[in-house]
Amino acid sequence: MSDTSKRGFASMDEDKQREIASKGGHAAHEKGTAHEFTSEEAREAGRKGGETVSQDREHMAEIGREGGKHSHGGGRKKQNDDADDIEDTESKGTQGGTREQHAEAGRQSHKNKNKDK
């Protein structure tokens, strides 16, 4: 029995796949056979993609956590009684609750939005 694990497009690394696919896309455009989305088609595709992604609650919670980190500069700084002792609260969770509590609040908020529709 022969080993086929090193053969074919799927076994290539992602950069090589992307390079080959890009060449195909360029060739199709040059030939005039490539599909070009209208703004309405692009809008619809984006809407469908957003709906699909938002159905994965854990993924959305992770996006929210990452957004929170970035909007707070990687974690808020809390000043203790000693003016020279500044603690990064990132390791203890976010201000006003733990990460788990914030994720659960996001899931609850998402549920409530869907009830209104």
C-alpha atoms as a PDB file:
ATOM      1  CA  MET A   1       0.000   0.000   0.000  1.00  0.00           C
ATOM      2  CA  SER A   2       1.457   3.381  -0.967  1.00  0.00           C
ATOM      3  CA  ASP A   3       1.639   6.411   1.297  1.00  0.00           C
ATOM      4  CA  THR A   4      -0.415   9.255  -0.219  1.00  0.00           C
ATOM      5  CA  SER A   5      -0.134  11.689   2.699  1.00  0.00           C
ATOM      6  CA  LYS A   6       2.395  13.882   0.862  1.00  0.00           C
ATOM      7  CA  ARG A   7       0.402  14.106  -2.369  1.00  0.00           C
ATOM      8  CA  GLY A   8      -2.184  16.573  -3.587  1.00  0.00           C
ATOM      9  CA  PHE A   9      -3.354  20.096  -2.961  1.00  0.00           C
ATOM     10  CA  ALA A  10      -4.745  19.406   0.520  1.00  0.00           C
ATOM     11  CA  SER A  11      -1.376  18.148   1.781  1.00  0.00           C
ATOM     12  CA  MET A  12       0.413  21.380   0.819  1.00  0.00           C
ATOM     13  CA  ASP A  13       1.058  24.063   3.383  1.00  0.00           C
ATOM     14  CA  GLU A  14      -1.422  26.943   3.456  1.00  0.00           C
ATOM     15  CA  ASP A  15       0.928  29.469   1.847  1.00  0.00           C
ATOM     16  CA  LYS A  16       1.511  27.193  -1.158  1.00  0.00           C
ATOM     17  CA  GLN A  17      -2.253  26.556  -1.494  1.00  0.00           C
ATOM     18  CA  ARG A  18      -2.943  30.297  -1.335  1.00  0.00           C
ATOM     19  CA  GLU A  19      -0.290  30.995  -3.991  1.00  0.00           C
ATOM     20  CA  ILE A  20      -1.765  28.427  -6.399  1.00  0.00           C
ATOM     21  CA  ALA A  21      -5.346  29.561  -5.781  1.00  0.00           C
ATOM     22  CA  SER A  22      -4.331  33.167  -6.362  1.00  0.00           C
ATOM     23  CA  LYS A  23      -2.838  32.265  -9.733  1.00  0.00           C
ATOM     24  CA  GLY A  24      -6.131  30.593 -10.695  1.00  0.00           C
ATOM     25  CA  GLY A  25      -8.099  33.660  -9.666  1.00  0.00           C
ATOM     26  CA  HIS A  26      -5.856  35.986 -11.670  1.00  0.00           C
ATOM     27  CA  ALA A  27      -6.097  33.736 -14.720  1.00  0.00           C
ATOM     28  CA  ALA A  28      -9.907  33.676 -14.509  1.00  0.00           C
ATOM     29  CA  HIS A  29     -10.035  37.475 -14.341  1.00  0.00           C
ATOM     30  CA  GLU A  30      -7.698  37.818 -17.313  1.00  0.00           C
ATOM     31  CA  LYS A  31      -9.814  35.353 -19.288  1.00  0.00           C
ATOM     32  CA  GLY A  32     -13.011  37.162 -18.281  1.00  0.00           C
ATOM     33  CA  THR A  33     -14.656  34.130 -16.682  1.00  0.00           C
ATOM     34  CA  ALA A  34     -14.293  35.175 -13.041  1.00  0.00           C
ATOM     35  CA  HIS A  35     -17.423  36.075 -11.098  1.00  0.00           C
ATOM     36  CA  GLU A  36     -17.432  39.634  -9.832  1.00  0.00           C
ATOM     37  CA  PHE A  37     -19.820  40.279  -6.970  1.00  0.00           C
ATOM     38  CA  THR A  38     -22.254  43.150  -7.156  1.00  0.00           C
ATOM     39  CA  SER A  39     -22.536  45.254  -4.022  1.00  0.00           C
ATOM     40  CA  GLU A  40     -25.855  43.543  -3.262  1.00  0.00           C
ATOM     41  CA  GLU A  41     -24.327  40.048  -3.589  1.00  0.00           C
ATOM     42  CA  ALA A  42     -21.418  41.062  -1.379  1.00  0.00           C
ATOM     43  CA  ARG A  43     -23.802  42.526   1.216  1.00  0.00           C
ATOM     44  CA  GLU A  44     -25.844  39.309   1.270  1.00  0.00           C
ATOM     45  CA  ALA A  45     -22.738  37.130   1.592  1.00  0.00           C
ATOM     46  CA  GLY A  46     -21.498  39.247   4.487  1.00  0.00           C
ATOM     47  CA  ARG A  47     -24.872  39.017   6.225  1.00  0.00           C
ATOM     48  CA  LYS A  48     -24.954  35.228   5.889  1.00  0.00           C
ATOM     49  CA  GLY A  49     -21.388  34.935   7.161  1.00  0.00           C
ATOM     50  CA  GLY A  50     -22.186  37.126  10.142  1.00  0.00           C
ATOM     51  CA  GLU A  51     -25.234  35.011  10.995  1.00  0.00           C
ATOM     52  CA  THR A  52     -23.199  31.818  10.813  1.00  0.00           C
ATOM     53  CA  VAL A  53     -20.406  33.154  13.001  1.00  0.00           C
ATOM     54  CA  SER A  54     -22.792  34.617  15.584  1.00  0.00           C
ATOM     55  CA  GLN A  55     -24.406  31.187  16.103  1.00  0.00           C
ATOM     56  CA  ASP A  56     -21.154  29.988  17.722  1.00  0.00           C
ATOM     57  CA  ARG A  57     -21.607  31.525  21.182  1.00  0.00           C
ATOM     58  CA  GLU A  58     -18.196  30.529  22.522  1.00  0.00           C
ATOM     59  CA  HIS A  59     -16.512  32.087  19.482  1.00  0.00           C
ATOM     60  CA  MET A  60     -18.475  35.303  19.979  1.00  0.00           C
ATOM     61  CA  ALA A  61     -17.589  35.331  23.695  1.00  0.00           C
ATOM     62  CA  GLU A  62     -13.913  35.008  22.744  1.00  0.00           C
ATOM     63  CA  ILE A  63     -14.248  37.893  20.285  1.00  0.00           C
ATOM     64  CA  GLY A  64     -15.776  39.978  23.071  1.00  0.00           C
ATOM     65  CA  ARG A  65     -12.965  39.098  25.463  1.00  0.00           C
ATOM     66  CA  GLU A  66     -10.345  40.027  22.887  1.00  0.00           C
ATOM     67  CA  GLY A  67     -12.118  43.291  22.105  1.00  0.00           C
ATOM     68  CA  GLY A  68     -12.237  44.131  25.793  1.00  0.00           C
ATOM     69  CA  LYS A  69      -8.521  43.504  26.155  1.00  0.00           C
ATOM     70  CA  HIS A  70      -7.730  45.809  23.252  1.00  0.00           C
ATOM     71  CA  SER A  71     -10.071  48.591  24.324  1.00  0.00           C
ATOM     72  CA  HIS A  72      -8.508  48.598  27.780  1.00  0.00           C
ATOM     73  CA  GLY A  73      -4.923  48.542  26.584  1.00  0.00           C
ATOM     74  CA  GLY A  74      -4.340  44.926  27.565  1.00  0.00           C
ATOM     75  CA  GLY A  75      -5.765  45.219  31.060  1.00  0.00           C
ATOM     76  CA  ARG A  76      -6.657  48.041  33.376  1.00  0.00           C
ATOM     77  CA  LYS A  77      -4.196  49.201  35.962  1.00  0.00           C
ATOM     78  CA  LYS A  78      -5.283  49.336  39.583  1.00  0.00           C
ATOM     79  CA  GLN A  79      -3.428  51.440  42.094  1.00  0.00           C
ATOM     80  CA  ASN A  80      -3.039  49.924  45.573  1.00  0.00           C
ATOM     81  CA  ASP A  81      -2.545  51.807  48.850  1.00  0.00           C
ATOM     82  CA  ASP A  82       1.174  51.974  48.118  1.00  0.00           C
ATOM     83  CA  ALA A  83       1.575  54.517  45.294  1.00  0.00           C
ATOM     84  CA  ASP A  84       4.608  52.652  43.920  1.00  0.00           C
ATOM     85  CA  ASP A  85       2.749  49.319  43.768  1.00  0.00           C
ATOM     86  CA  ILE A  86       0.605  49.189  40.649  1.00  0.00           C
ATOM     87  CA  GLU A  87      -1.089  45.884  39.888  1.00  0.00           C
ATOM     88  CA  ASP A  88      -2.236  44.651  36.502  1.00  0.00           C
ATOM     89  CA  THR A  89      -5.713  43.224  37.105  1.00  0.00           C
ATOM     90  CA  GLU A  90      -5.620  41.279  33.819  1.00  0.00           C
ATOM     91  CA  SER A  91      -4.529  38.115  35.604  1.00  0.00           C
ATOM     92  CA  LYS A  92      -7.447  38.312  38.061  1.00  0.00           C
ATOM     93  CA  GLY A  93     -10.150  38.950  35.465  1.00  0.00           C
ATOM     94  CA  THR A  94     -11.636  42.166  34.236  1.00  0.00           C
ATOM     95  CA  GLN A  95     -12.864  44.950  36.474  1.00  0.00           C
ATOM     96  CA  GLY A  96     -16.370  44.331  37.785  1.00  0.00           C
ATOM     97  CA  GLY A  97     -16.330  40.538  37.489  1.00  0.00           C
ATOM     98  CA  THR A  98     -14.464  37.537  36.235  1.00  0.00           C
ATOM     99  CA  ARG A  99     -13.956  36.704  32.573  1.00  0.00           C
ATOM    100  CA  GLU A 100     -16.440  33.860  32.940  1.00  0.00           C
ATOM    101  CA  GLN A 101     -19.062  36.262  34.332  1.00  0.00           C
ATOM    102  CA  HIS A 102     -18.517  38.645  31.419  1.00  0.00           C
ATOM    103  CA  ALA A 103     -18.762  35.799  28.907  1.00  0.00           C
ATOM    104  CA  GLU A 104     -22.018  34.626  30.492  1.00  0.00           C
ATOM    105  CA  ALA A 105     -23.373  38.176  30.440  1.00  0.00           C
ATOM    106  CA  GLY A 106     -22.549  38.352  26.737  1.00  0.00           C
ATOM    107  CA  ARG A 107     -24.377  35.087  26.095  1.00  0.00           C
ATOM    108  CA  GLN A 108     -27.416  36.336  28.034  1.00  0.00           C
ATOM    109  CA  SER A 109     -27.384  39.608  26.117  1.00  0.00           C
ATOM    110  CA  HIS A 110     -27.261  37.686  22.843  1.00  0.00           C
ATOM    111  CA  LYS A 111     -30.279  35.596  23.920  1.00  0.00           C
ATOM    112  CA  ASN A 112     -32.238  38.730  24.803  1.00  0.00           C
ATOM    113  CA  LYS A 113     -31.530  40.339  21.437  1.00  0.00           C
ATOM    114  CA  ASN A 114     -32.881  37.282  19.631  1.00  0.00           C
ATOM    115  CA  LYS A 115     -36.119  37.355  21.671  1.00  0.00           C
ATOM    116  CA  ASP A 116     -36.884  40.864  20.410  1.00  0.00           C
ATOM    117  CA  LYS A 117     -36.800  39.760  16.762  1.00  0.00           C
END
